[in-house]
Amino acid sequence: MTPTTNELLVGNFMAFAVPPPPESMGEFLSGRVSVVGLISLLAAQEAETGVAVRVWENGAIAELLARAGATVPGAADASDLSVAALDAHNAQLRLLLISVHASAELEGNLALDREILSLYQAMADRRMLVLPALPGA
């Protein structure tokens, strides 16, 4: 799962929501600040590409499903490009894709199986968020 920008920013908030005990303020607080910095970097990456990745992914899944002969559900509101709406449609498409994939495996349809596996890989590649190497780590 790739967290959404919203989930990442809530994580930042939670990192500072409960103050540490006074005896652990030094290193503990320094560690929290580092974590918040990393989460912010991930949020920036997700904000930059999140909507475009979801639009691509929904289209790629729908296209593959149509070629496989499945009835592809449309988005509730195709003009709604919010992450929540795109994720809701994505969930529908993924459930159908899993069903089509299971059928392809049962039927021994290796071509469709490989095509679906390739799509899974492309989806994972596009959703990847990258943590930098930290100095001194």
Protein backbone atom coordinates (compact mmCIF):
# COMPACT_ATOMS: atom_id res chain seq x y z
CA MET A 1 0.00 0.00 0.00
CA THR A 2 1.23 3.45 -0.84
CA PRO A 3 -0.07 5.92 1.72
CA THR A 4 -1.94 8.97 0.52
CA THR A 5 -0.73 12.50 1.17
CA ASN A 6 -3.46 12.85 3.76
CA GLU A 7 -2.33 9.70 5.61
CA LEU A 8 1.29 10.84 5.53
CA LEU A 9 0.45 14.28 6.91
CA VAL A 10 -1.70 12.76 9.65
CA GLY A 11 1.36 10.64 10.52
CA ASN A 12 3.36 13.85 10.86
CA PHE A 13 0.75 15.25 13.20
CA MET A 14 0.70 12.08 15.28
CA ALA A 15 4.48 12.16 15.65
CA PHE A 16 4.12 15.40 17.63
CA ALA A 17 0.67 14.93 19.14
CA VAL A 18 1.97 13.30 22.30
CA PRO A 19 5.06 14.90 23.80
CA PRO A 20 7.75 12.55 25.04
CA PRO A 21 8.62 12.42 28.73
CA PRO A 22 11.17 15.07 29.75
CA GLU A 23 13.94 12.53 30.27
CA SER A 24 13.83 11.47 26.61
CA MET A 25 13.55 14.85 24.94
CA GLY A 26 17.05 14.95 23.39
CA GLU A 27 17.58 11.90 21.21
CA PHE A 28 13.91 10.93 21.21
CA LEU A 29 12.81 14.32 19.94
CA SER A 30 15.62 14.34 17.39
CA GLY A 31 14.41 10.96 16.12
CA ARG A 32 10.84 12.23 15.85
CA VAL A 33 11.97 15.25 13.86
CA SER A 34 13.85 12.94 11.47
CA VAL A 35 10.76 10.76 11.02
CA VAL A 36 8.58 13.81 10.34
CA GLY A 37 11.12 14.98 7.77
CA LEU A 38 11.04 11.60 6.02
CA ILE A 39 7.25 11.49 6.09
CA SER A 40 7.18 15.00 4.61
CA LEU A 41 9.45 13.84 1.79
CA LEU A 42 7.12 10.91 1.07
CA ALA A 43 4.11 13.24 1.18
CA ALA A 44 5.78 15.52 -1.36
CA GLN A 45 6.39 12.58 -3.71
CA GLU A 46 2.80 11.38 -3.33
CA ALA A 47 1.41 14.89 -3.85
CA GLU A 48 3.46 15.27 -7.02
CA THR A 49 2.37 12.03 -8.71
CA GLY A 50 -0.57 10.59 -6.76
CA VAL A 51 -3.47 11.71 -8.97
CA ALA A 52 -1.66 11.02 -12.25
CA VAL A 53 -0.68 7.53 -11.09
CA ARG A 54 -4.23 6.71 -10.05
CA VAL A 55 -5.69 7.99 -13.34
CA TRP A 56 -3.15 5.90 -15.29
CA GLU A 57 -3.71 2.84 -13.12
CA ASN A 58 -7.51 2.97 -13.37
CA GLY A 59 -7.26 3.32 -17.14
CA ALA A 60 -4.73 0.49 -17.47
CA ILE A 61 -6.81 -1.87 -15.32
CA ALA A 62 -10.03 -0.98 -17.17
CA GLU A 63 -8.33 -1.51 -20.53
CA LEU A 64 -6.96 -4.91 -19.54
CA LEU A 65 -10.31 -5.98 -18.10
CA ALA A 66 -12.11 -4.93 -21.28
CA ARG A 67 -9.65 -6.92 -23.42
CA ALA A 68 -10.26 -9.90 -21.11
CA GLY A 69 -14.01 -9.60 -21.80
CA ALA A 70 -15.04 -8.34 -18.35
CA THR A 71 -17.76 -5.77 -17.82
CA VAL A 72 -15.85 -2.77 -16.53
CA PRO A 73 -17.55 -0.54 -13.96
CA GLY A 74 -17.35 3.18 -14.57
CA ALA A 75 -16.37 5.72 -11.95
CA ALA A 76 -19.22 7.17 -9.92
CA ASP A 77 -18.25 10.62 -11.23
CA ALA A 78 -15.60 10.53 -13.97
CA SER A 79 -14.92 14.25 -13.52
CA ASP A 80 -14.02 13.82 -9.83
CA LEU A 81 -10.22 13.61 -9.71
CA SER A 82 -9.96 13.60 -5.92
CA VAL A 83 -7.75 10.88 -4.47
CA ALA A 84 -10.73 9.50 -2.54
CA ALA A 85 -12.86 9.12 -5.69
CA LEU A 86 -10.00 7.68 -7.73
CA ASP A 87 -9.19 5.21 -4.93
CA ALA A 88 -12.85 4.15 -4.65
CA HIS A 89 -12.97 3.38 -8.37
CA ASN A 90 -9.57 1.70 -8.14
CA ALA A 91 -10.86 -0.61 -5.40
CA GLN A 92 -13.74 -1.72 -7.65
CA LEU A 93 -11.40 -2.30 -10.58
CA ARG A 94 -8.89 -4.23 -8.46
CA LEU A 95 -11.56 -6.56 -7.09
CA LEU A 96 -12.64 -7.35 -10.63
CA LEU A 97 -9.01 -7.73 -11.74
CA ILE A 98 -8.35 -10.21 -8.93
CA SER A 99 -11.39 -12.22 -10.02
CA VAL A 100 -10.29 -12.18 -13.68
CA HIS A 101 -6.76 -13.16 -12.63
CA ALA A 102 -8.03 -16.08 -10.56
CA SER A 103 -10.10 -17.27 -13.52
CA ALA A 104 -7.12 -16.94 -15.87
CA GLU A 105 -5.03 -19.07 -13.52
CA LEU A 106 -7.76 -21.72 -13.20
CA GLU A 107 -8.24 -21.85 -16.97
CA GLY A 108 -4.50 -22.00 -17.60
CA ASN A 109 -4.58 -18.78 -19.65
CA LEU A 110 -0.86 -18.06 -19.38
CA ALA A 111 -0.94 -15.05 -21.70
CA LEU A 112 -3.56 -13.25 -19.62
CA ASP A 113 -1.84 -14.33 -16.40
CA ARG A 114 1.46 -12.82 -17.58
CA GLU A 115 -0.27 -9.65 -18.76
CA ILE A 116 -1.91 -9.20 -15.35
CA LEU A 117 1.36 -9.89 -13.53
CA SER A 118 3.08 -7.29 -15.73
CA LEU A 119 0.35 -4.80 -14.87
CA TYR A 120 0.81 -5.51 -11.14
CA GLN A 121 4.53 -4.77 -11.54
CA ALA A 122 3.89 -1.55 -13.47
CA MET A 123 1.38 -0.44 -10.84
CA ALA A 124 3.86 -1.09 -8.02
CA ASP A 125 6.62 0.73 -9.89
CA ARG A 126 4.48 3.82 -10.45
CA ARG A 127 3.29 3.96 -6.83
CA MET A 128 6.75 3.55 -5.32
CA LEU A 129 7.88 6.23 -2.91
CA VAL A 130 11.62 6.47 -2.34
CA LEU A 131 13.34 7.05 0.98
CA PRO A 132 16.71 8.77 0.70
CA ALA A 133 19.87 7.43 2.26
CA LEU A 134 20.40 9.32 5.49
CA PRO A 135 23.79 10.78 6.33
CA GLY A 136 25.58 8.71 8.92
CA ALA A 137 23.19 5.78 8.54
